[in-house]
N, C-alpha and C. Protein backbone atom coordinates (compact mmCIF):
# COMPACT_ATOMS: atom_id res chain seq x y z
N MET A 1 0.70 -1.15 0.12
CA MET A 1 -0.19 0.19 -0.03
C MET A 1 0.93 1.15 0.29
N LYS A 2 0.36 2.23 -0.69
CA LYS A 2 1.34 3.66 -0.66
C LYS A 2 0.28 4.87 -0.36
N ARG A 3 1.19 5.68 0.12
CA ARG A 3 0.51 6.87 0.30
C ARG A 3 1.50 8.03 -0.70
N ARG A 4 0.60 8.82 -0.96
CA ARG A 4 0.78 10.04 -1.98
C ARG A 4 1.19 11.29 -1.03
N LEU A 5 2.63 11.66 -0.84
CA LEU A 5 2.92 12.92 -0.06
C LEU A 5 3.00 14.08 -1.08
N TYR A 6 2.67 15.39 -0.58
CA TYR A 6 2.89 16.82 -1.15
C TYR A 6 3.70 17.60 -0.51
N TYR A 7 4.84 18.21 -1.15
CA TYR A 7 5.60 19.12 -0.53
C TYR A 7 5.83 20.19 -1.19
N MET A 8 5.89 21.65 -1.21
CA MET A 8 6.12 22.82 -1.67
C MET A 8 7.23 22.96 -1.27
N LEU A 9 8.17 23.48 -2.41
CA LEU A 9 9.77 23.43 -2.42
C LEU A 9 9.77 25.02 -2.92
N PRO A 10 10.62 25.93 -2.15
CA PRO A 10 10.70 27.23 -2.83
C PRO A 10 11.21 27.40 -3.77
N ASP A 11 12.09 26.65 -4.80
CA ASP A 11 12.40 26.97 -5.99
C ASP A 11 13.22 25.76 -6.54
N VAL A 12 13.45 25.60 -7.56
CA VAL A 12 13.77 24.87 -8.64
C VAL A 12 15.38 24.13 -7.95
N PRO A 13 16.23 25.14 -7.59
CA PRO A 13 17.52 24.25 -7.05
C PRO A 13 17.15 23.79 -5.93
N SER A 14 16.28 23.91 -5.04
CA SER A 14 15.99 22.89 -3.88
C SER A 14 15.18 21.95 -4.22
N ALA A 15 14.50 22.16 -5.28
CA ALA A 15 13.84 20.88 -5.97
C ALA A 15 15.01 19.71 -6.38
N ARG A 16 15.66 20.23 -7.21
CA ARG A 16 16.87 19.47 -7.69
C ARG A 16 17.81 18.75 -6.40
N ALA A 17 17.84 19.52 -5.36
CA ALA A 17 18.40 18.93 -4.10
C ALA A 17 17.69 17.98 -3.27
N MET A 18 16.56 18.30 -3.33
CA MET A 18 15.55 16.85 -2.90
C MET A 18 15.48 16.05 -3.80
N LEU A 19 15.54 15.92 -5.12
CA LEU A 19 15.36 14.91 -5.96
C LEU A 19 16.85 14.12 -5.51
N ASP A 20 17.99 14.78 -5.38
CA ASP A 20 18.83 13.83 -5.16
C ASP A 20 19.04 13.08 -3.73
N GLU A 21 18.34 13.64 -2.73
CA GLU A 21 18.25 13.28 -1.59
C GLU A 21 17.54 12.19 -1.48
N LEU A 22 16.26 12.23 -2.06
CA LEU A 22 15.40 11.10 -2.20
C LEU A 22 16.02 10.02 -2.85
N LEU A 23 16.78 10.45 -3.91
CA LEU A 23 17.51 9.29 -4.63
C LEU A 23 18.46 8.42 -3.81
N LEU A 24 19.10 9.29 -2.74
CA LEU A 24 19.90 8.57 -1.68
C LEU A 24 19.32 7.78 -0.84
N ALA A 25 18.00 8.14 -0.25
CA ALA A 25 17.20 7.75 0.45
C ALA A 25 16.60 6.39 -0.24
N ARG A 26 17.04 6.22 -1.31
CA ARG A 26 16.63 4.86 -2.10
C ARG A 26 14.95 4.70 -2.26
N VAL A 27 14.60 6.18 -2.69
CA VAL A 27 13.29 6.47 -3.35
C VAL A 27 13.36 6.42 -4.79
N GLU A 28 12.76 5.29 -5.56
CA GLU A 28 12.84 5.40 -6.95
C GLU A 28 12.27 6.92 -7.85
N GLU A 29 13.21 7.20 -8.97
CA GLU A 29 12.66 8.37 -9.30
C GLU A 29 11.26 7.88 -10.01
N ARG A 30 10.93 7.13 -10.61
CA ARG A 30 9.76 7.09 -10.73
C ARG A 30 8.34 7.06 -10.14
N TYR A 31 8.82 7.43 -8.73
CA TYR A 31 7.68 7.63 -8.07
C TYR A 31 7.70 8.84 -7.54
N MET A 32 8.76 9.74 -7.78
CA MET A 32 8.85 11.41 -7.49
C MET A 32 8.22 12.10 -9.07
N HIS A 33 7.50 13.04 -8.62
CA HIS A 33 6.94 13.88 -9.89
C HIS A 33 7.25 15.71 -9.18
N PHE A 34 7.49 16.36 -10.29
CA PHE A 34 7.85 17.62 -9.73
C PHE A 34 6.84 18.49 -10.63
N TYR A 35 6.11 19.75 -10.32
CA TYR A 35 5.20 20.10 -10.96
C TYR A 35 5.40 21.89 -10.59
N ALA A 36 5.77 22.54 -11.73
CA ALA A 36 6.26 23.60 -11.71
C ALA A 36 5.69 24.70 -12.99
N LYS A 37 5.99 25.70 -12.72
CA LYS A 37 5.54 26.59 -14.05
C LYS A 37 6.09 25.91 -15.41
N GLU A 38 5.32 26.12 -16.43
CA GLU A 38 5.88 25.73 -17.69
C GLU A 38 7.09 25.95 -17.96
N GLY A 39 8.10 24.89 -18.37
CA GLY A 39 9.50 25.37 -18.85
C GLY A 39 10.33 25.51 -17.54
N ALA A 40 10.07 25.80 -16.24
CA ALA A 40 10.70 25.84 -15.19
C ALA A 40 11.67 24.77 -14.72
N LEU A 41 11.32 23.52 -14.97
CA LEU A 41 12.39 22.32 -14.60
C LEU A 41 13.22 22.00 -15.51
N PRO A 42 14.27 21.94 -15.21
CA PRO A 42 15.52 21.20 -15.91
C PRO A 42 14.89 20.20 -16.54
N ALA A 43 15.85 19.51 -17.48
CA ALA A 43 15.52 18.21 -18.16
C ALA A 43 15.75 17.04 -17.52
N GLY A 44 16.67 16.94 -16.62
CA GLY A 44 16.88 15.83 -15.94
C GLY A 44 15.68 15.51 -14.92
N MET A 45 14.80 16.34 -14.46
CA MET A 45 13.97 16.09 -13.27
C MET A 45 12.60 15.76 -13.74
N PRO A 46 12.07 14.64 -12.99
CA PRO A 46 10.90 14.01 -13.24
C PRO A 46 9.68 14.71 -13.34
N GLU A 47 8.91 15.05 -14.16
CA GLU A 47 7.95 16.06 -14.13
C GLU A 47 6.55 15.49 -14.06
N ALA A 48 5.45 16.14 -13.39
CA ALA A 48 4.12 15.48 -13.25
C ALA A 48 3.74 15.28 -14.60
N ASN A 49 2.80 13.89 -14.58
CA ASN A 49 2.30 13.56 -16.02
C ASN A 49 0.95 14.11 -16.35
N PHE A 50 0.41 13.77 -17.34
CA PHE A 50 -0.94 14.34 -17.78
C PHE A 50 -1.91 14.10 -16.93
N PHE A 51 -1.85 12.76 -16.27
CA PHE A 51 -2.84 12.38 -15.33
C PHE A 51 -2.86 13.14 -14.16
N GLN A 52 -1.61 13.47 -13.58
CA GLN A 52 -1.62 14.32 -12.23
C GLN A 52 -1.63 15.54 -12.50
N LYS A 53 -1.68 16.15 -13.69
CA LYS A 53 -2.05 17.53 -13.93
C LYS A 53 -3.39 18.12 -14.07
N THR A 54 -4.16 16.91 -14.61
CA THR A 54 -5.74 17.04 -14.76
C THR A 54 -6.41 16.25 -14.34
N ASP A 55 -7.64 16.43 -14.26
CA ASP A 55 -8.75 15.74 -13.81
C ASP A 55 -9.25 14.51 -14.55
N LEU A 56 -8.74 13.92 -15.30
CA LEU A 56 -8.85 12.80 -16.12
C LEU A 56 -9.67 11.65 -15.47
N ILE A 57 -8.73 11.10 -14.38
CA ILE A 57 -9.25 9.82 -13.79
C ILE A 57 -10.58 10.09 -13.25
N HIS A 58 -10.82 11.10 -12.32
CA HIS A 58 -11.85 11.64 -11.56
C HIS A 58 -13.15 11.70 -12.73
N GLY A 59 -12.81 12.38 -13.71
CA GLY A 59 -13.81 12.55 -14.76
C GLY A 59 -14.30 11.01 -15.37
N VAL A 60 -13.44 10.39 -15.67
CA VAL A 60 -13.75 9.08 -16.25
C VAL A 60 -14.53 8.39 -15.11
N GLY A 61 -14.31 8.28 -13.86
CA GLY A 61 -15.19 7.60 -12.84
C GLY A 61 -16.43 8.24 -13.17
N VAL A 62 -16.81 9.25 -12.66
CA VAL A 62 -17.75 10.09 -12.54
C VAL A 62 -18.98 9.64 -14.02
N GLY A 63 -18.07 9.39 -14.96
CA GLY A 63 -18.77 9.68 -16.43
C GLY A 63 -19.11 8.00 -16.45
N ILE A 64 -18.43 7.11 -15.85
CA ILE A 64 -19.04 5.51 -15.97
C ILE A 64 -20.19 5.54 -15.20
N LEU A 65 -20.40 6.09 -14.13
CA LEU A 65 -21.28 6.09 -13.18
C LEU A 65 -22.66 6.63 -13.87
N ILE A 66 -22.54 8.02 -14.17
CA ILE A 66 -23.55 8.88 -14.80
C ILE A 66 -24.18 8.10 -15.94
N GLY A 67 -23.25 7.48 -17.14
CA GLY A 67 -23.51 6.63 -18.04
C GLY A 67 -24.05 5.75 -17.87
N ALA A 68 -23.60 4.91 -16.89
CA ALA A 68 -24.13 3.65 -16.69
C ALA A 68 -25.75 3.66 -16.15
N ALA A 69 -25.74 4.60 -15.37
CA ALA A 69 -27.47 5.04 -14.73
C ALA A 69 -28.23 5.61 -15.95
N SER A 70 -27.69 5.95 -17.02
CA SER A 70 -28.35 6.75 -18.01
C SER A 70 -28.79 5.51 -19.09
N GLY A 71 -27.69 4.50 -18.87
CA GLY A 71 -28.01 3.50 -19.78
C GLY A 71 -28.88 2.38 -19.00
N LEU A 72 -28.87 2.03 -17.78
CA LEU A 72 -30.14 1.54 -17.37
C LEU A 72 -31.32 2.01 -17.45
N ILE A 73 -31.62 3.59 -17.26
CA ILE A 73 -32.88 4.43 -17.37
C ILE A 73 -33.29 3.85 -19.11
N ALA A 74 -32.25 4.10 -20.17
CA ALA A 74 -32.75 3.98 -21.50
C ALA A 74 -33.33 2.29 -21.50
N GLY A 75 -32.63 1.34 -20.90
CA GLY A 75 -32.85 0.05 -20.94
C GLY A 75 -34.26 -0.17 -20.27
N SER A 76 -34.26 0.36 -19.15
CA SER A 76 -35.47 0.24 -18.66
C SER A 76 -36.59 0.60 -19.42
N LEU A 77 -36.69 1.58 -20.55
CA LEU A 77 -37.54 2.04 -21.26
C LEU A 77 -37.64 1.09 -22.09
N LEU A 78 -36.61 0.22 -22.52
CA LEU A 78 -36.70 -1.06 -23.34
C LEU A 78 -37.68 -1.98 -22.75
N LEU A 79 -37.48 -2.20 -21.22
CA LEU A 79 -38.47 -3.20 -20.58
C LEU A 79 -39.94 -2.92 -20.75
N ILE A 80 -40.08 -1.49 -20.58
CA ILE A 80 -41.42 -1.07 -20.45
C ILE A 80 -42.03 -1.15 -22.06
N PHE A 81 -41.36 -1.12 -23.14
CA PHE A 81 -41.66 -1.20 -24.40
C PHE A 81 -40.83 -2.39 -24.94
N PRO A 82 -41.36 -3.43 -24.77
CA PRO A 82 -40.21 -4.52 -24.96
C PRO A 82 -40.09 -4.87 -26.42
N PRO A 83 -38.92 -5.43 -26.72
CA PRO A 83 -38.97 -6.21 -27.82
C PRO A 83 -39.37 -7.64 -27.90
N GLU A 84 -39.34 -8.45 -28.90
CA GLU A 84 -40.02 -9.74 -28.90
C GLU A 84 -40.10 -10.80 -27.83
N ASP A 85 -38.88 -10.95 -27.18
CA ASP A 85 -38.99 -12.19 -26.24
C ASP A 85 -38.04 -11.52 -25.07
N ILE A 86 -38.11 -12.45 -24.06
CA ILE A 86 -37.58 -11.96 -22.68
C ILE A 86 -35.90 -12.13 -22.77
N ALA A 87 -35.53 -13.37 -23.57
CA ALA A 87 -33.80 -12.96 -23.71
C ALA A 87 -33.52 -11.63 -24.34
N MET A 88 -34.16 -11.12 -25.36
CA MET A 88 -33.95 -9.65 -25.79
C MET A 88 -33.72 -8.83 -25.06
N ARG A 89 -34.71 -8.86 -24.04
CA ARG A 89 -35.04 -7.78 -23.03
C ARG A 89 -34.04 -7.61 -22.25
N VAL A 90 -33.01 -8.65 -21.70
CA VAL A 90 -32.19 -8.83 -20.86
C VAL A 90 -30.84 -8.16 -21.41
N ILE A 91 -30.89 -8.75 -22.65
CA ILE A 91 -29.66 -8.33 -23.65
C ILE A 91 -29.70 -6.84 -23.73
N ALA A 92 -30.93 -6.21 -24.13
CA ALA A 92 -30.92 -4.99 -24.40
C ALA A 92 -30.62 -3.94 -23.12
N LEU A 93 -31.27 -4.46 -22.19
CA LEU A 93 -30.94 -3.56 -20.65
C LEU A 93 -29.60 -3.50 -20.74
N LEU A 94 -28.99 -4.66 -20.36
CA LEU A 94 -27.36 -5.05 -20.38
C LEU A 94 -26.40 -4.03 -21.01
N ALA A 95 -26.61 -4.19 -22.45
CA ALA A 95 -26.27 -3.41 -23.62
C ALA A 95 -26.25 -1.91 -23.38
N SER A 96 -27.67 -1.46 -23.24
CA SER A 96 -27.72 -0.21 -22.91
C SER A 96 -27.01 0.35 -21.55
N ALA A 97 -26.93 -0.25 -20.54
CA ALA A 97 -26.13 0.11 -19.37
C ALA A 97 -24.54 0.03 -19.81
N LEU A 98 -24.08 -0.97 -20.56
CA LEU A 98 -22.84 -0.88 -21.07
C LEU A 98 -22.29 0.16 -21.63
N GLY A 99 -23.26 0.41 -22.74
CA GLY A 99 -23.30 1.36 -23.79
C GLY A 99 -23.01 2.75 -23.19
N GLY A 100 -23.89 3.04 -22.18
CA GLY A 100 -24.06 4.42 -21.37
C GLY A 100 -22.80 4.62 -20.90
N ALA A 101 -22.23 3.64 -19.84
CA ALA A 101 -21.06 3.60 -19.31
C ALA A 101 -19.90 4.10 -20.32
N VAL A 102 -19.81 3.29 -21.39
CA VAL A 102 -18.72 3.90 -22.08
C VAL A 102 -18.86 5.24 -22.65
N PHE A 103 -19.77 5.41 -23.22
CA PHE A 103 -20.28 6.54 -23.64
C PHE A 103 -20.05 8.00 -22.58
N GLY A 104 -20.39 7.53 -21.46
CA GLY A 104 -20.43 8.58 -20.52
C GLY A 104 -18.92 8.72 -20.13
N SER A 105 -17.98 7.77 -19.82
CA SER A 105 -16.73 7.81 -19.46
C SER A 105 -15.87 8.83 -20.48
N TRP A 106 -16.23 8.10 -21.78
CA TRP A 106 -15.51 8.82 -22.95
C TRP A 106 -15.80 10.55 -22.83
N VAL A 107 -17.27 10.69 -22.86
CA VAL A 107 -17.47 12.16 -22.64
C VAL A 107 -16.96 12.98 -21.42
N SER A 108 -16.88 12.48 -20.41
CA SER A 108 -16.83 12.96 -19.37
C SER A 108 -15.15 13.29 -19.10
N GLY A 109 -14.37 12.28 -19.46
CA GLY A 109 -12.98 12.08 -19.70
C GLY A 109 -12.44 13.19 -20.55
N MET A 110 -12.92 13.41 -21.35
CA MET A 110 -12.52 14.09 -22.67
C MET A 110 -12.80 15.85 -21.93
N ALA A 111 -13.69 16.14 -21.46
CA ALA A 111 -14.04 17.36 -20.77
C ALA A 111 -13.17 17.64 -19.56
N ALA A 112 -13.11 16.39 -18.55
CA ALA A 112 -12.06 16.55 -17.54
C ALA A 112 -10.57 16.51 -18.04
N ALA A 113 -10.08 16.23 -18.98
CA ALA A 113 -8.97 16.29 -19.56
C ALA A 113 -8.50 17.82 -19.62
N ALA A 114 -9.22 18.69 -20.06
CA ALA A 114 -8.94 20.35 -19.85
C ALA A 114 -9.14 20.98 -18.68
N ILE A 115 -9.75 20.21 -17.46
CA ILE A 115 -9.70 20.78 -16.50
C ILE A 115 -8.20 20.54 -15.43
N PRO A 116 -7.73 21.71 -14.60
CA PRO A 116 -6.57 21.41 -14.23
C PRO A 116 -7.15 20.22 -12.72
N ASN A 117 -6.13 19.33 -12.10
CA ASN A 117 -6.48 18.35 -11.14
C ASN A 117 -7.00 19.32 -9.58
N SER A 118 -8.07 19.01 -9.48
CA SER A 118 -8.96 19.76 -8.37
C SER A 118 -7.73 19.42 -6.74
N ARG A 119 -7.23 18.21 -6.92
CA ARG A 119 -6.32 18.04 -5.83
C ARG A 119 -5.03 18.92 -5.40
N LEU A 120 -4.85 19.55 -6.73
CA LEU A 120 -3.65 20.31 -6.68
C LEU A 120 -3.90 21.89 -6.75
N LYS A 121 -5.39 22.28 -6.22
CA LYS A 121 -5.66 23.37 -6.26
C LYS A 121 -5.11 24.31 -5.14
N PRO A 122 -4.63 23.79 -3.91
CA PRO A 122 -4.14 24.39 -2.61
C PRO A 122 -2.67 24.79 -3.40
N PHE A 123 -2.12 24.31 -4.45
CA PHE A 123 -0.71 24.45 -4.35
C PHE A 123 -0.48 25.56 -5.69
N ARG A 124 -1.52 25.86 -6.59
CA ARG A 124 -1.50 26.51 -7.80
C ARG A 124 -0.88 27.73 -7.66
N ASP A 125 -1.39 28.79 -6.44
CA ASP A 125 -0.59 29.99 -6.15
C ASP A 125 0.79 29.80 -6.01
N GLY A 126 1.32 28.90 -4.89
CA GLY A 126 2.60 28.78 -5.14
C GLY A 126 3.41 28.66 -6.29
N ILE A 127 2.62 27.57 -7.11
CA ILE A 127 3.71 27.38 -8.34
C ILE A 127 3.42 28.47 -9.19
N GLU A 128 2.51 29.53 -9.23
CA GLU A 128 2.57 30.63 -10.06
C GLU A 128 3.65 31.36 -9.46
N ARG A 129 4.06 31.62 -8.27
CA ARG A 129 4.96 32.41 -7.86
C ARG A 129 6.50 31.70 -8.01
N GLY A 130 6.44 30.42 -8.40
CA GLY A 130 7.75 29.94 -8.74
C GLY A 130 8.23 28.85 -7.96
N GLN A 131 7.47 28.65 -6.90
CA GLN A 131 7.83 27.36 -5.96
C GLN A 131 7.30 26.06 -6.81
N VAL A 132 7.97 25.13 -6.46
CA VAL A 132 7.81 23.62 -7.25
C VAL A 132 7.00 22.82 -6.22
N LEU A 133 6.28 22.10 -6.68
CA LEU A 133 5.38 20.91 -6.05
C LEU A 133 5.98 19.59 -6.15
N LEU A 134 6.60 18.61 -5.37
CA LEU A 134 7.13 17.54 -5.45
C LEU A 134 5.58 16.38 -4.66
N ILE A 135 5.73 15.66 -5.48
CA ILE A 135 4.60 14.45 -5.44
C ILE A 135 5.41 13.43 -5.25
N VAL A 136 5.16 12.77 -4.34
CA VAL A 136 6.11 11.51 -3.85
C VAL A 136 5.09 10.26 -3.41
N ASP A 137 5.34 9.59 -3.97
CA ASP A 137 4.43 7.94 -3.86
C ASP A 137 5.64 7.11 -2.90
N LEU A 138 5.12 6.91 -1.93
CA LEU A 138 5.89 6.02 -0.77
C LEU A 138 4.87 4.84 -0.18
N PRO A 139 5.75 4.06 -0.06
CA PRO A 139 5.20 2.55 0.60
C PRO A 139 4.99 3.04 2.04
N LEU A 140 4.00 2.47 2.74
CA LEU A 140 3.31 3.10 4.14
C LEU A 140 4.34 3.25 5.19
N ARG A 141 5.16 1.93 4.95
CA ARG A 141 6.28 1.62 5.82
C ARG A 141 7.42 2.81 6.10
N ARG A 142 7.75 3.51 4.95
CA ARG A 142 8.39 4.65 4.77
C ARG A 142 8.18 5.90 4.80
N VAL A 143 6.61 6.24 5.09
CA VAL A 143 6.24 7.49 5.07
C VAL A 143 6.91 8.18 6.32
N ALA A 144 6.86 7.55 7.37
CA ALA A 144 7.48 8.18 8.62
C ALA A 144 8.90 8.55 8.45
N GLU A 145 9.71 7.67 7.96
CA GLU A 145 11.13 7.88 7.78
C GLU A 145 11.16 9.00 6.50
N ILE A 146 10.77 8.93 5.72
CA ILE A 146 10.96 10.10 4.64
C ILE A 146 10.54 11.63 5.18
N GLU A 147 9.11 11.41 5.80
CA GLU A 147 8.69 12.89 6.56
C GLU A 147 9.63 13.35 7.38
N ASP A 148 10.18 12.35 8.51
CA ASP A 148 11.19 12.71 9.31
C ASP A 148 12.63 13.57 8.67
N MET A 149 13.08 12.80 7.72
CA MET A 149 14.31 13.19 7.32
C MET A 149 14.21 14.62 6.32
N ILE A 150 12.95 15.10 5.69
CA ILE A 150 12.60 16.44 5.09
C ILE A 150 12.30 17.39 6.20
N ALA A 151 11.94 16.87 7.17
CA ALA A 151 11.58 17.67 8.09
C ALA A 151 12.89 18.09 8.91
N ARG A 152 13.60 17.33 9.24
CA ARG A 152 14.99 17.75 9.81
C ARG A 152 16.11 18.21 9.06
N ARG A 153 16.13 17.96 7.82
CA ARG A 153 17.05 18.45 6.66
C ARG A 153 16.64 19.78 5.97
N HIS A 154 15.52 20.04 6.09
CA HIS A 154 14.74 21.26 5.28
C HIS A 154 13.44 21.72 5.70
N PRO A 155 13.86 22.62 6.69
CA PRO A 155 12.64 23.47 7.63
C PRO A 155 12.05 23.99 6.76
N GLU A 156 12.73 24.54 5.51
CA GLU A 156 12.09 25.50 4.43
C GLU A 156 10.90 24.83 3.59
N ILE A 157 10.99 23.69 3.67
CA ILE A 157 10.01 22.97 2.91
C ILE A 157 8.56 23.00 3.44
N SER A 158 7.58 23.04 2.95
CA SER A 158 6.11 22.94 3.60
C SER A 158 5.30 21.59 3.25
N PHE A 159 5.12 21.09 3.86
CA PHE A 159 4.53 19.75 3.94
C PHE A 159 2.72 20.13 3.57
N GLY A 160 2.57 19.50 2.70
CA GLY A 160 1.33 19.99 1.70
C GLY A 160 0.25 19.03 1.82
N GLY A 161 0.33 17.86 2.54
CA GLY A 161 -0.63 16.82 2.92
C GLY A 161 -0.35 15.55 2.18
N MET A 162 -1.10 14.50 2.75
CA MET A 162 -0.89 13.34 2.38
C MET A 162 -2.26 12.66 1.68
N GLU A 163 -2.33 11.83 0.67
CA GLU A 163 -3.46 11.62 0.09
C GLU A 163 -3.39 9.86 0.52
N PRO A 164 -4.49 9.39 0.98
CA PRO A 164 -4.55 8.19 1.55
C PRO A 164 -4.64 7.27 0.13
N HIS A 165 -5.57 7.46 -0.70
CA HIS A 165 -5.47 6.36 -1.67
C HIS A 165 -4.94 6.96 -3.09
N ILE A 166 -3.74 6.25 -3.44
CA ILE A 166 -3.29 6.76 -4.83
C ILE A 166 -3.90 6.19 -6.05
N PRO A 167 -4.67 6.51 -6.95
CA PRO A 167 -4.98 5.94 -7.92
C PRO A 167 -4.15 4.80 -8.72
N VAL A 168 -4.61 3.84 -9.01
CA VAL A 168 -3.68 2.91 -9.70
C VAL A 168 -3.35 3.26 -10.75
N PHE A 169 -3.93 3.86 -11.70
CA PHE A 169 -3.67 3.79 -12.99
C PHE A 169 -2.25 5.16 -13.48
N PRO A 170 -2.38 6.47 -12.94
CA PRO A 170 -1.30 7.20 -12.94
C PRO A 170 -0.31 6.99 -12.36
């Protein structure tokens, strides 16, 4: 099980130093993501990806729920005004629910891809001022160790919170 930690770093050089320290603490680079103003990060730093910057994952989940509900309603209408036999009724109900879920996830995913990640809203002002957001995913057993290391060595870095549930996909 992993936890996602957020830290606001004062500038790009301190972000580079933090990357080196986390690598020395045996945190793999693929679990660290830095988010700053466009073009502010140097080439060697792992930047936050599209899924972490947008609300795509949340939007797809909401779309699946709304689309499936809409599909069930459409399928229920097929039950009220039925096709020929009972087997066709059940197939029509399931097909409309599945079709609604697929269509709903696609539509809301497309809309959510254009929306900045709502979890990162508290950090946007700092990022606009030139600060760098560090997003690090850690195994539960290492969270306290890394938090203590950062707090001891870098009092200028502010802890931005912990996300208890990391999406599997991004």
